[in-house]
Full PDB file with SEQRES, HELIX, SHEET, SSBOND, CRYST1, ORIGX, SCALE, CONECT and MASTER records, all heavy atoms in Angstrom:
SEQRES   1 A   36  ASN HIS ILE ILE PRO ALA GLU ILE THR TYR ASP TYR LYS          
SEQRES   2 A   36  ALA ASP LYS GLU VAL HIS LEU SER VAL GLU GLY TYR HIS          
SEQRES   3 A   36  ILE MET ALA TYR LEU VAL ALA GLU ARG LEU                      
HELIX    1 AA1 ALA A    6  ILE A    8  5                                   3    
HELIX    2 AA2 VAL A   22  ARG A   35  1                                  14    
CRYST1    1.000    1.000    1.000  90.00  90.00  90.00 P 1           1          
ORIGX1      1.000000  0.000000  0.000000        0.00000                         
ORIGX2      0.000000  1.000000  0.000000        0.00000                         
ORIGX3      0.000000  0.000000  1.000000        0.00000                         
SCALE1      1.000000  0.000000  0.000000        0.00000                         
SCALE2      0.000000  1.000000  0.000000        0.00000                         
SCALE3      0.000000  0.000000  1.000000        0.00000                         
ATOM      1  N   ASN A   1      -9.505  -1.969   9.695  1.00  0.00           N  
ATOM      2  CA  ASN A   1      -8.862  -2.000  11.019  1.00  0.00           C  
ATOM      3  C   ASN A   1      -7.436  -1.448  10.965  1.00  0.00           C  
ATOM      4  O   ASN A   1      -6.642  -1.703  11.868  1.00  0.00           O  
ATOM      5  CB  ASN A   1      -8.876  -3.427  11.556  1.00  0.00           C  
ATOM      6  CG  ASN A   1     -10.266  -3.849  11.945  1.00  0.00           C  
ATOM      7  OD1 ASN A   1     -10.889  -3.241  12.812  1.00  0.00           O  
ATOM      8  ND2 ASN A   1     -10.784  -4.873  11.292  1.00  0.00           N  
ATOM      9  N   HIS A   2      -7.128  -0.714   9.903  1.00  0.00           N  
ATOM     10  CA  HIS A   2      -5.812  -0.094   9.698  1.00  0.00           C  
ATOM     11  C   HIS A   2      -4.674  -1.116   9.709  1.00  0.00           C  
ATOM     12  O   HIS A   2      -3.589  -0.843  10.197  1.00  0.00           O  
ATOM     13  CB  HIS A   2      -5.564   1.020  10.717  1.00  0.00           C  
ATOM     14  CG  HIS A   2      -6.512   2.155  10.553  1.00  0.00           C  
ATOM     15  ND1 HIS A   2      -6.388   3.106   9.567  1.00  0.00           N  
ATOM     16  CD2 HIS A   2      -7.639   2.484  11.226  1.00  0.00           C  
ATOM     17  CE1 HIS A   2      -7.373   3.966   9.641  1.00  0.00           C  
ATOM     18  NE2 HIS A   2      -8.150   3.611  10.647  1.00  0.00           N  
ATOM     19  N   ILE A   3      -4.939  -2.272   9.135  1.00  0.00           N  
ATOM     20  CA  ILE A   3      -3.921  -3.296   8.941  1.00  0.00           C  
ATOM     21  C   ILE A   3      -3.613  -3.345   7.446  1.00  0.00           C  
ATOM     22  O   ILE A   3      -4.521  -3.538   6.634  1.00  0.00           O  
ATOM     23  CB  ILE A   3      -4.411  -4.675   9.426  1.00  0.00           C  
ATOM     24  CG1 ILE A   3      -4.684  -4.637  10.928  1.00  0.00           C  
ATOM     25  CG2 ILE A   3      -3.417  -5.774   9.061  1.00  0.00           C  
ATOM     26  CD1 ILE A   3      -5.405  -5.865  11.455  1.00  0.00           C  
ATOM     27  N   ILE A   4      -2.367  -3.150   7.086  1.00  0.00           N  
ATOM     28  CA  ILE A   4      -1.977  -3.234   5.691  1.00  0.00           C  
ATOM     29  C   ILE A   4      -1.920  -4.713   5.310  1.00  0.00           C  
ATOM     30  O   ILE A   4      -1.142  -5.474   5.869  1.00  0.00           O  
ATOM     31  CB  ILE A   4      -0.594  -2.583   5.456  1.00  0.00           C  
ATOM     32  CG1 ILE A   4      -0.599  -1.122   5.890  1.00  0.00           C  
ATOM     33  CG2 ILE A   4      -0.156  -2.746   4.006  1.00  0.00           C  
ATOM     34  CD1 ILE A   4      -1.541  -0.229   5.131  1.00  0.00           C  
ATOM     35  N   PRO A   5      -2.762  -5.148   4.367  1.00  0.00           N  
ATOM     36  CA  PRO A   5      -2.776  -6.558   3.977  1.00  0.00           C  
ATOM     37  C   PRO A   5      -1.482  -6.962   3.266  1.00  0.00           C  
ATOM     38  O   PRO A   5      -0.884  -6.162   2.552  1.00  0.00           O  
ATOM     39  CB  PRO A   5      -3.956  -6.675   3.020  1.00  0.00           C  
ATOM     40  CG  PRO A   5      -4.725  -5.414   3.137  1.00  0.00           C  
ATOM     41  CD  PRO A   5      -3.786  -4.383   3.658  1.00  0.00           C  
ATOM     42  N   ALA A   6      -1.084  -8.200   3.457  1.00  0.00           N  
ATOM     43  CA  ALA A   6       0.125  -8.712   2.809  1.00  0.00           C  
ATOM     44  C   ALA A   6       0.079  -8.517   1.304  1.00  0.00           C  
ATOM     45  O   ALA A   6       1.113  -8.311   0.665  1.00  0.00           O  
ATOM     46  CB  ALA A   6       0.298 -10.196   3.148  1.00  0.00           C  
ATOM     47  N   GLU A   7      -1.108  -8.536   0.720  1.00  0.00           N  
ATOM     48  CA  GLU A   7      -1.254  -8.410  -0.733  1.00  0.00           C  
ATOM     49  C   GLU A   7      -0.745  -7.087  -1.295  1.00  0.00           C  
ATOM     50  O   GLU A   7      -0.557  -6.962  -2.498  1.00  0.00           O  
ATOM     51  CB  GLU A   7      -2.722  -8.585  -1.145  1.00  0.00           C  
ATOM     52  CG  GLU A   7      -3.269  -9.969  -0.921  1.00  0.00           C  
ATOM     53  CD  GLU A   7      -3.839 -10.200   0.480  1.00  0.00           C  
ATOM     54  OE1 GLU A   7      -3.663  -9.332   1.357  1.00  0.00           O  
ATOM     55  OE2 GLU A   7      -4.465 -11.244   0.691  1.00  0.00           O  
ATOM     56  N   ILE A   8      -0.535  -6.094  -0.439  1.00  0.00           N  
ATOM     57  CA  ILE A   8      -0.025  -4.812  -0.937  1.00  0.00           C  
ATOM     58  C   ILE A   8       1.269  -4.408  -0.239  1.00  0.00           C  
ATOM     59  O   ILE A   8       1.638  -3.241  -0.220  1.00  0.00           O  
ATOM     60  CB  ILE A   8      -1.083  -3.695  -0.856  1.00  0.00           C  
ATOM     61  CG1 ILE A   8      -1.573  -3.475   0.562  1.00  0.00           C  
ATOM     62  CG2 ILE A   8      -2.232  -3.969  -1.792  1.00  0.00           C  
ATOM     63  CD1 ILE A   8      -2.486  -2.273   0.690  1.00  0.00           C  
ATOM     64  N   THR A   9       1.979  -5.395   0.318  1.00  0.00           N  
ATOM     65  CA  THR A   9       3.291  -5.126   0.898  1.00  0.00           C  
ATOM     66  C   THR A   9       4.374  -5.564  -0.082  1.00  0.00           C  
ATOM     67  O   THR A   9       4.122  -6.340  -0.999  1.00  0.00           O  
ATOM     68  CB  THR A   9       3.481  -5.849   2.236  1.00  0.00           C  
ATOM     69  OG1 THR A   9       3.454  -7.263   2.015  1.00  0.00           O  
ATOM     70  CG2 THR A   9       2.406  -5.456   3.234  1.00  0.00           C  
ATOM     71  N   TYR A  10       5.571  -5.083   0.139  1.00  0.00           N  
ATOM     72  CA  TYR A  10       6.650  -5.288  -0.831  1.00  0.00           C  
ATOM     73  C   TYR A  10       6.969  -6.750  -1.121  1.00  0.00           C  
ATOM     74  O   TYR A  10       7.350  -7.093  -2.228  1.00  0.00           O  
ATOM     75  CB  TYR A  10       7.925  -4.569  -0.375  1.00  0.00           C  
ATOM     76  CG  TYR A  10       8.707  -5.322   0.676  1.00  0.00           C  
ATOM     77  CD1 TYR A  10       9.851  -6.033   0.330  1.00  0.00           C  
ATOM     78  CD2 TYR A  10       8.296  -5.330   1.998  1.00  0.00           C  
ATOM     79  CE1 TYR A  10      10.561  -6.744   1.284  1.00  0.00           C  
ATOM     80  CE2 TYR A  10       8.997  -6.025   2.942  1.00  0.00           C  
ATOM     81  CZ  TYR A  10      10.127  -6.729   2.596  1.00  0.00           C  
ATOM     82  OH  TYR A  10      10.831  -7.437   3.535  1.00  0.00           O  
ATOM     83  N   ASP A  11       6.813  -7.629  -0.153  1.00  0.00           N  
ATOM     84  CA  ASP A  11       7.127  -9.037  -0.403  1.00  0.00           C  
ATOM     85  C   ASP A  11       5.876  -9.909  -0.495  1.00  0.00           C  
ATOM     86  O   ASP A  11       5.984 -11.117  -0.692  1.00  0.00           O  
ATOM     87  CB  ASP A  11       8.077  -9.586   0.650  1.00  0.00           C  
ATOM     88  CG  ASP A  11       7.486  -9.597   2.049  1.00  0.00           C  
ATOM     89  OD1 ASP A  11       6.314  -9.183   2.232  1.00  0.00           O  
ATOM     90  OD2 ASP A  11       8.186 -10.024   2.979  1.00  0.00           O  
ATOM     91  N   TYR A  12       4.697  -9.280  -0.348  1.00  0.00           N  
ATOM     92  CA  TYR A  12       3.404  -9.970  -0.459  1.00  0.00           C  
ATOM     93  C   TYR A  12       3.250 -11.102   0.561  1.00  0.00           C  
ATOM     94  O   TYR A  12       2.487 -12.025   0.345  1.00  0.00           O  
ATOM     95  CB  TYR A  12       3.191 -10.526  -1.884  1.00  0.00           C  
ATOM     96  CG  TYR A  12       3.291  -9.480  -2.960  1.00  0.00           C  
ATOM     97  CD1 TYR A  12       4.460  -9.334  -3.686  1.00  0.00           C  
ATOM     98  CD2 TYR A  12       2.223  -8.642  -3.243  1.00  0.00           C  
ATOM     99  CE1 TYR A  12       4.560  -8.355  -4.679  1.00  0.00           C  
ATOM    100  CE2 TYR A  12       2.318  -7.672  -4.229  1.00  0.00           C  
ATOM    101  CZ  TYR A  12       3.495  -7.528  -4.940  1.00  0.00           C  
ATOM    102  OH  TYR A  12       3.587  -6.570  -5.917  1.00  0.00           O  
ATOM    103  N   LYS A  13       3.973 -11.022   1.691  1.00  0.00           N  
ATOM    104  CA  LYS A  13       3.964 -12.124   2.651  1.00  0.00           C  
ATOM    105  C   LYS A  13       3.404 -11.785   4.026  1.00  0.00           C  
ATOM    106  O   LYS A  13       2.824 -12.647   4.660  1.00  0.00           O  
ATOM    107  CB  LYS A  13       5.383 -12.686   2.816  1.00  0.00           C  
ATOM    108  CG  LYS A  13       5.909 -13.352   1.574  1.00  0.00           C  
ATOM    109  CD  LYS A  13       7.291 -13.896   1.812  1.00  0.00           C  
ATOM    110  CE  LYS A  13       7.827 -14.513   0.526  1.00  0.00           C  
ATOM    111  NZ  LYS A  13       9.224 -14.931   0.680  1.00  0.00           N  
ATOM    112  N   ALA A  14       3.611 -10.560   4.496  1.00  0.00           N  
ATOM    113  CA  ALA A  14       3.270 -10.273   5.886  1.00  0.00           C  
ATOM    114  C   ALA A  14       2.337  -9.079   6.009  1.00  0.00           C  
ATOM    115  O   ALA A  14       2.603  -8.020   5.449  1.00  0.00           O  
ATOM    116  CB  ALA A  14       4.536 -10.022   6.696  1.00  0.00           C  
ATOM    117  N   ASP A  15       1.254  -9.259   6.752  1.00  0.00           N  
ATOM    118  CA  ASP A  15       0.384  -8.133   7.087  1.00  0.00           C  
ATOM    119  C   ASP A  15       1.175  -7.136   7.934  1.00  0.00           C  
ATOM    120  O   ASP A  15       2.142  -7.495   8.602  1.00  0.00           O  
ATOM    121  CB  ASP A  15      -0.815  -8.606   7.908  1.00  0.00           C  
ATOM    122  CG  ASP A  15      -1.825  -9.398   7.109  1.00  0.00           C  
ATOM    123  OD1 ASP A  15      -1.786  -9.347   5.869  1.00  0.00           O  
ATOM    124  OD2 ASP A  15      -2.652 -10.085   7.731  1.00  0.00           O  
ATOM    125  N   LYS A  16       0.738  -5.905   7.905  1.00  0.00           N  
ATOM    126  CA  LYS A  16       1.259  -4.812   8.727  1.00  0.00           C  
ATOM    127  C   LYS A  16       2.631  -4.319   8.305  1.00  0.00           C  
ATOM    128  O   LYS A  16       3.194  -3.452   8.945  1.00  0.00           O  
ATOM    129  CB  LYS A  16       1.287  -5.195  10.219  1.00  0.00           C  
ATOM    130  CG  LYS A  16      -0.071  -5.526  10.790  1.00  0.00           C  
ATOM    131  CD  LYS A  16       0.023  -5.811  12.267  1.00  0.00           C  
ATOM    132  CE  LYS A  16      -1.314  -6.196  12.824  1.00  0.00           C  
ATOM    133  NZ  LYS A  16      -1.267  -6.445  14.259  1.00  0.00           N  
ATOM    134  N   GLU A  17       3.197  -4.851   7.243  1.00  0.00           N  
ATOM    135  CA  GLU A  17       4.493  -4.380   6.754  1.00  0.00           C  
ATOM    136  C   GLU A  17       4.332  -2.953   6.247  1.00  0.00           C  
ATOM    137  O   GLU A  17       3.381  -2.651   5.539  1.00  0.00           O  
ATOM    138  CB  GLU A  17       4.981  -5.293   5.637  1.00  0.00           C  
ATOM    139  CG  GLU A  17       6.254  -4.870   4.975  1.00  0.00           C  
ATOM    140  CD  GLU A  17       7.448  -4.825   5.901  1.00  0.00           C  
ATOM    141  OE1 GLU A  17       7.743  -5.839   6.558  1.00  0.00           O  
ATOM    142  OE2 GLU A  17       8.060  -3.751   5.983  1.00  0.00           O  
ATOM    143  N   VAL A  18       5.240  -2.070   6.619  1.00  0.00           N  
ATOM    144  CA  VAL A  18       5.107  -0.670   6.211  1.00  0.00           C  
ATOM    145  C   VAL A  18       5.665  -0.407   4.817  1.00  0.00           C  
ATOM    146  O   VAL A  18       5.402   0.636   4.231  1.00  0.00           O  
ATOM    147  CB  VAL A  18       5.775   0.288   7.218  1.00  0.00           C  
ATOM    148  CG1 VAL A  18       5.089   0.213   8.559  1.00  0.00           C  
ATOM    149  CG2 VAL A  18       7.260   0.014   7.338  1.00  0.00           C  
ATOM    150  N   HIS A  19       6.432  -1.335   4.270  1.00  0.00           N  
ATOM    151  CA  HIS A  19       6.993  -1.163   2.939  1.00  0.00           C  
ATOM    152  C   HIS A  19       5.990  -1.708   1.930  1.00  0.00           C  
ATOM    153  O   HIS A  19       5.689  -2.896   1.922  1.00  0.00           O  
ATOM    154  CB  HIS A  19       8.345  -1.859   2.823  1.00  0.00           C  
ATOM    155  CG  HIS A  19       9.338  -1.316   3.802  1.00  0.00           C  
ATOM    156  ND1 HIS A  19       9.929  -0.077   3.632  1.00  0.00           N  
ATOM    157  CD2 HIS A  19       9.818  -1.810   4.958  1.00  0.00           C  
ATOM    158  CE1 HIS A  19      10.739   0.149   4.647  1.00  0.00           C  
ATOM    159  NE2 HIS A  19      10.685  -0.878   5.464  1.00  0.00           N  
ATOM    160  N   LEU A  20       5.504  -0.835   1.082  1.00  0.00           N  
ATOM    161  CA  LEU A  20       4.424  -1.181   0.169  1.00  0.00           C  
ATOM    162  C   LEU A  20       4.928  -1.744  -1.149  1.00  0.00           C  
ATOM    163  O   LEU A  20       6.069  -1.532  -1.551  1.00  0.00           O  
ATOM    164  CB  LEU A  20       3.569   0.048  -0.102  1.00  0.00           C  
ATOM    165  CG  LEU A  20       2.919   0.680   1.129  1.00  0.00           C  
ATOM    166  CD1 LEU A  20       2.207   1.967   0.732  1.00  0.00           C  
ATOM    167  CD2 LEU A  20       1.976  -0.280   1.790  1.00  0.00           C  
ATOM    168  N   SER A  21       4.034  -2.415  -1.833  1.00  0.00           N  
ATOM    169  CA  SER A  21       4.280  -2.928  -3.177  1.00  0.00           C  
ATOM    170  C   SER A  21       3.839  -1.874  -4.188  1.00  0.00           C  
ATOM    171  O   SER A  21       3.361  -0.792  -3.832  1.00  0.00           O  
ATOM    172  CB  SER A  21       3.457  -4.203  -3.392  1.00  0.00           C  
ATOM    173  OG  SER A  21       2.073  -3.875  -3.336  1.00  0.00           O  
ATOM    174  N   VAL A  22       3.945  -2.217  -5.456  1.00  0.00           N  
ATOM    175  CA  VAL A  22       3.465  -1.342  -6.528  1.00  0.00           C  
ATOM    176  C   VAL A  22       2.001  -1.002  -6.285  1.00  0.00           C  
ATOM    177  O   VAL A  22       1.585   0.158  -6.444  1.00  0.00           O  
ATOM    178  CB  VAL A  22       3.651  -2.028  -7.902  1.00  0.00           C  
ATOM    179  CG1 VAL A  22       2.929  -1.272  -8.989  1.00  0.00           C  
ATOM    180  CG2 VAL A  22       5.119  -2.165  -8.225  1.00  0.00           C  
ATOM    181  N   GLU A  23       1.211  -1.992  -5.889  1.00  0.00           N  
ATOM    182  CA  GLU A  23      -0.216  -1.769  -5.646  1.00  0.00           C  
ATOM    183  C   GLU A  23      -0.442  -0.768  -4.519  1.00  0.00           C  
ATOM    184  O   GLU A  23      -1.291   0.121  -4.618  1.00  0.00           O  
ATOM    185  CB  GLU A  23      -0.906  -3.094  -5.307  1.00  0.00           C  
ATOM    186  CG  GLU A  23      -0.884  -4.103  -6.412  1.00  0.00           C  
ATOM    187  CD  GLU A  23       0.354  -5.001  -6.437  1.00  0.00           C  
ATOM    188  OE1 GLU A  23       1.362  -4.695  -5.766  1.00  0.00           O  
ATOM    189  OE2 GLU A  23       0.314  -6.019  -7.156  1.00  0.00           O  
ATOM    190  N   GLY A  24       0.329  -0.902  -3.451  1.00  0.00           N  
ATOM    191  CA  GLY A  24       0.200   0.016  -2.327  1.00  0.00           C  
ATOM    192  C   GLY A  24       0.584   1.439  -2.702  1.00  0.00           C  
ATOM    193  O   GLY A  24      -0.091   2.403  -2.337  1.00  0.00           O  
ATOM    194  N   TYR A  25       1.680   1.577  -3.446  1.00  0.00           N  
ATOM    195  CA  TYR A  25       2.093   2.910  -3.869  1.00  0.00           C  
ATOM    196  C   TYR A  25       1.137   3.495  -4.904  1.00  0.00           C  
ATOM    197  O   TYR A  25       0.981   4.714  -4.997  1.00  0.00           O  
ATOM    198  CB  TYR A  25       3.534   2.908  -4.375  1.00  0.00           C  
ATOM    199  CG  TYR A  25       4.507   2.910  -3.225  1.00  0.00           C  
ATOM    200  CD1 TYR A  25       5.311   1.804  -2.976  1.00  0.00           C  
ATOM    201  CD2 TYR A  25       4.597   3.992  -2.363  1.00  0.00           C  
ATOM    202  CE1 TYR A  25       6.193   1.791  -1.902  1.00  0.00           C  
ATOM    203  CE2 TYR A  25       5.465   3.996  -1.287  1.00  0.00           C  
ATOM    204  CZ  TYR A  25       6.261   2.895  -1.063  1.00  0.00           C  
ATOM    205  OH  TYR A  25       7.116   2.887   0.000  1.00  0.00           O  
ATOM    206  N   HIS A  26       0.477   2.642  -5.666  1.00  0.00           N  
ATOM    207  CA  HIS A  26      -0.534   3.123  -6.613  1.00  0.00           C  
ATOM    208  C   HIS A  26      -1.663   3.820  -5.841  1.00  0.00           C  
ATOM    209  O   HIS A  26      -2.145   4.879  -6.264  1.00  0.00           O  
ATOM    210  CB  HIS A  26      -1.088   1.977  -7.454  1.00  0.00           C  
ATOM    211  CG  HIS A  26      -2.197   2.401  -8.354  1.00  0.00           C  
ATOM    212  ND1 HIS A  26      -1.974   2.983  -9.583  1.00  0.00           N  
ATOM    213  CD2 HIS A  26      -3.544   2.383  -8.185  1.00  0.00           C  
ATOM    214  CE1 HIS A  26      -3.137   3.291 -10.137  1.00  0.00           C  
ATOM    215  NE2 HIS A  26      -4.103   2.934  -9.306  1.00  0.00           N  
ATOM    216  N   ILE A  27      -2.073   3.228  -4.731  1.00  0.00           N  
ATOM    217  CA  ILE A  27      -3.133   3.836  -3.920  1.00  0.00           C  
ATOM    218  C   ILE A  27      -2.694   5.224  -3.459  1.00  0.00           C  
ATOM    219  O   ILE A  27      -3.440   6.199  -3.584  1.00  0.00           O  
ATOM    220  CB  ILE A  27      -3.488   2.962  -2.700  1.00  0.00           C  
ATOM    221  CG1 ILE A  27      -4.034   1.612  -3.142  1.00  0.00           C  
ATOM    222  CG2 ILE A  27      -4.477   3.682  -1.786  1.00  0.00           C  
ATOM    223  CD1 ILE A  27      -4.107   0.586  -2.013  1.00  0.00           C  
ATOM    224  N   MET A  28      -1.485   5.306  -2.917  1.00  0.00           N  
ATOM    225  CA  MET A  28      -0.997   6.597  -2.413  1.00  0.00           C  
ATOM    226  C   MET A  28      -0.919   7.628  -3.539  1.00  0.00           C  
ATOM    227  O   MET A  28      -1.352   8.769  -3.373  1.00  0.00           O  
ATOM    228  CB  MET A  28       0.361   6.411  -1.747  1.00  0.00           C  
ATOM    229  CG  MET A  28       0.273   5.639  -0.452  1.00  0.00           C  
ATOM    230  SD  MET A  28       1.869   5.362   0.316  1.00  0.00           S  
ATOM    231  CE  MET A  28       2.371   7.012   0.684  1.00  0.00           C  
ATOM    232  N   ALA A  29      -0.370   7.235  -4.680  1.00  0.00           N  
ATOM    233  CA  ALA A  29      -0.242   8.158  -5.809  1.00  0.00           C  
ATOM    234  C   ALA A  29      -1.611   8.619  -6.291  1.00  0.00           C  
ATOM    235  O   ALA A  29      -1.806   9.797  -6.622  1.00  0.00           O  
ATOM    236  CB  ALA A  29       0.531   7.489  -6.942  1.00  0.00           C  
ATOM    237  N   TYR A  30      -2.555   7.714  -6.331  1.00  0.00           N  
ATOM    238  CA  TYR A  30      -3.915   8.036  -6.757  1.00  0.00           C  
ATOM    239  C   TYR A  30      -4.513   9.105  -5.843  1.00  0.00           C  
ATOM    240  O   TYR A  30      -5.084  10.095  -6.312  1.00  0.00           O  
ATOM    241  CB  TYR A  30      -4.771   6.775  -6.747  1.00  0.00           C  
ATOM    242  CG  TYR A  30      -6.175   6.980  -7.245  1.00  0.00           C  
ATOM    243  CD1 TYR A  30      -6.507   6.667  -8.555  1.00  0.00           C  
ATOM    244  CD2 TYR A  30      -7.174   7.484  -6.419  1.00  0.00           C  
ATOM    245  CE1 TYR A  30      -7.799   6.852  -9.025  1.00  0.00           C  
ATOM    246  CE2 TYR A  30      -8.458   7.680  -6.875  1.00  0.00           C  
ATOM    247  CZ  TYR A  30      -8.767   7.357  -8.177  1.00  0.00           C  
ATOM    248  OH  TYR A  30     -10.046   7.551  -8.646  1.00  0.00           O  
ATOM    249  N   LEU A  31      -4.391   8.889  -4.545  1.00  0.00           N  
ATOM    250  CA  LEU A  31      -4.978   9.828  -3.583  1.00  0.00           C  
ATOM    251  C   LEU A  31      -4.328  11.206  -3.662  1.00  0.00           C  
ATOM    252  O   LEU A  31      -5.014  12.239  -3.607  1.00  0.00           O  
ATOM    253  CB  LEU A  31      -4.877   9.258  -2.167  1.00  0.00           C  
ATOM    254  CG  LEU A  31      -5.723   8.018  -1.894  1.00  0.00           C  
ATOM    255  CD1 LEU A  31      -5.336   7.382  -0.556  1.00  0.00           C  
ATOM    256  CD2 LEU A  31      -7.200   8.332  -1.935  1.00  0.00           C  
ATOM    257  N   VAL A  32      -3.009  11.237  -3.807  1.00  0.00           N  
ATOM    258  CA  VAL A  32      -2.309  12.518  -3.902  1.00  0.00           C  
ATOM    259  C   VAL A  32      -2.664  13.212  -5.212  1.00  0.00           C  
ATOM    260  O   VAL A  32      -2.958  14.413  -5.228  1.00  0.00           O  
ATOM    261  CB  VAL A  32      -0.785  12.319  -3.752  1.00  0.00           C  
ATOM    262  CG1 VAL A  32      -0.037  13.602  -4.079  1.00  0.00           C  
ATOM    263  CG2 VAL A  32      -0.453  11.854  -2.332  1.00  0.00           C  
ATOM    264  N   ALA A  33      -2.656  12.478  -6.322  1.00  0.00           N  
ATOM    265  CA  ALA A  33      -3.001  13.081  -7.623  1.00  0.00           C  
ATOM    266  C   ALA A  33      -4.433  13.607  -7.623  1.00  0.00           C  
ATOM    267  O   ALA A  33      -4.705  14.694  -8.163  1.00  0.00           O  
ATOM    268  CB  ALA A  33      -2.805  12.061  -8.740  1.00  0.00           C  
ATOM    269  N   GLU A  34      -5.328  12.857  -7.015  1.00  0.00           N  
ATOM    270  CA  GLU A  34      -6.726  13.289  -6.924  1.00  0.00           C  
ATOM    271  C   GLU A  34      -6.834  14.634  -6.199  1.00  0.00           C  
ATOM    272  O   GLU A  34      -7.545  15.542  -6.633  1.00  0.00           O  
ATOM    273  CB  GLU A  34      -7.524  12.211  -6.203  1.00  0.00           C  
ATOM    274  CG  GLU A  34      -8.987  12.509  -6.030  1.00  0.00           C  
ATOM    275  CD  GLU A  34      -9.684  11.400  -5.276  1.00  0.00           C  
ATOM    276  OE1 GLU A  34      -9.437  11.242  -4.055  1.00  0.00           O  
ATOM    277  OE2 GLU A  34     -10.453  10.673  -5.920  1.00  0.00           O  
ATOM    278  N   ARG A  35      -6.079  14.766  -5.111  1.00  0.00           N  
ATOM    279  CA  ARG A  35      -6.110  16.016  -4.352  1.00  0.00           C  
ATOM    280  C   ARG A  35      -5.485  17.157  -5.147  1.00  0.00           C  
ATOM    281  O   ARG A  35      -5.974  18.283  -5.146  1.00  0.00           O  
ATOM    282  CB  ARG A  35      -5.393  15.849  -3.014  1.00  0.00           C  
ATOM    283  CG  ARG A  35      -5.446  17.079  -2.113  1.00  0.00           C  
ATOM    284  CD  ARG A  35      -6.877  17.489  -1.732  1.00  0.00           C  
ATOM    285  NE  ARG A  35      -7.595  16.419  -1.136  1.00  0.00           N  
ATOM    286  CZ  ARG A  35      -7.634  16.135   0.162  1.00  0.00           C  
ATOM    287  NH1 ARG A  35      -6.989  16.881   1.015  1.00  0.00           N  
ATOM    288  NH2 ARG A  35      -8.330  15.108   0.599  1.00  0.00           N  
ATOM    289  N   LEU A  36      -4.375  16.870  -5.837  1.00  0.00           N  
ATOM    290  CA  LEU A  36      -3.740  17.904  -6.650  1.00  0.00           C  
ATOM    291  C   LEU A  36      -4.665  18.399  -7.747  1.00  0.00           C  
ATOM    292  O   LEU A  36      -4.694  19.600  -8.056  1.00  0.00           O  
ATOM    293  CB  LEU A  36      -2.429  17.377  -7.242  1.00  0.00           C  
ATOM    294  CG  LEU A  36      -1.293  17.159  -6.243  1.00  0.00           C  
ATOM    295  CD1 LEU A  36      -0.126  16.456  -6.910  1.00  0.00           C  
ATOM    296  CD2 LEU A  36      -0.856  18.465  -5.599  1.00  0.00           C  
TER     297      LEU A  36                                                      
MASTER        0    0    0    2    0    0    0    6  296    1    0    3          
END                                                                             
């Protein structure tokens, strides 16, 4: 539903936070590296 879970936000507390944690940035890096 395009809701960022708290588990991958920077403070691990609030859904929909746009600031990601290490886990969230890992996803982004993975997707970009895969495309490259």
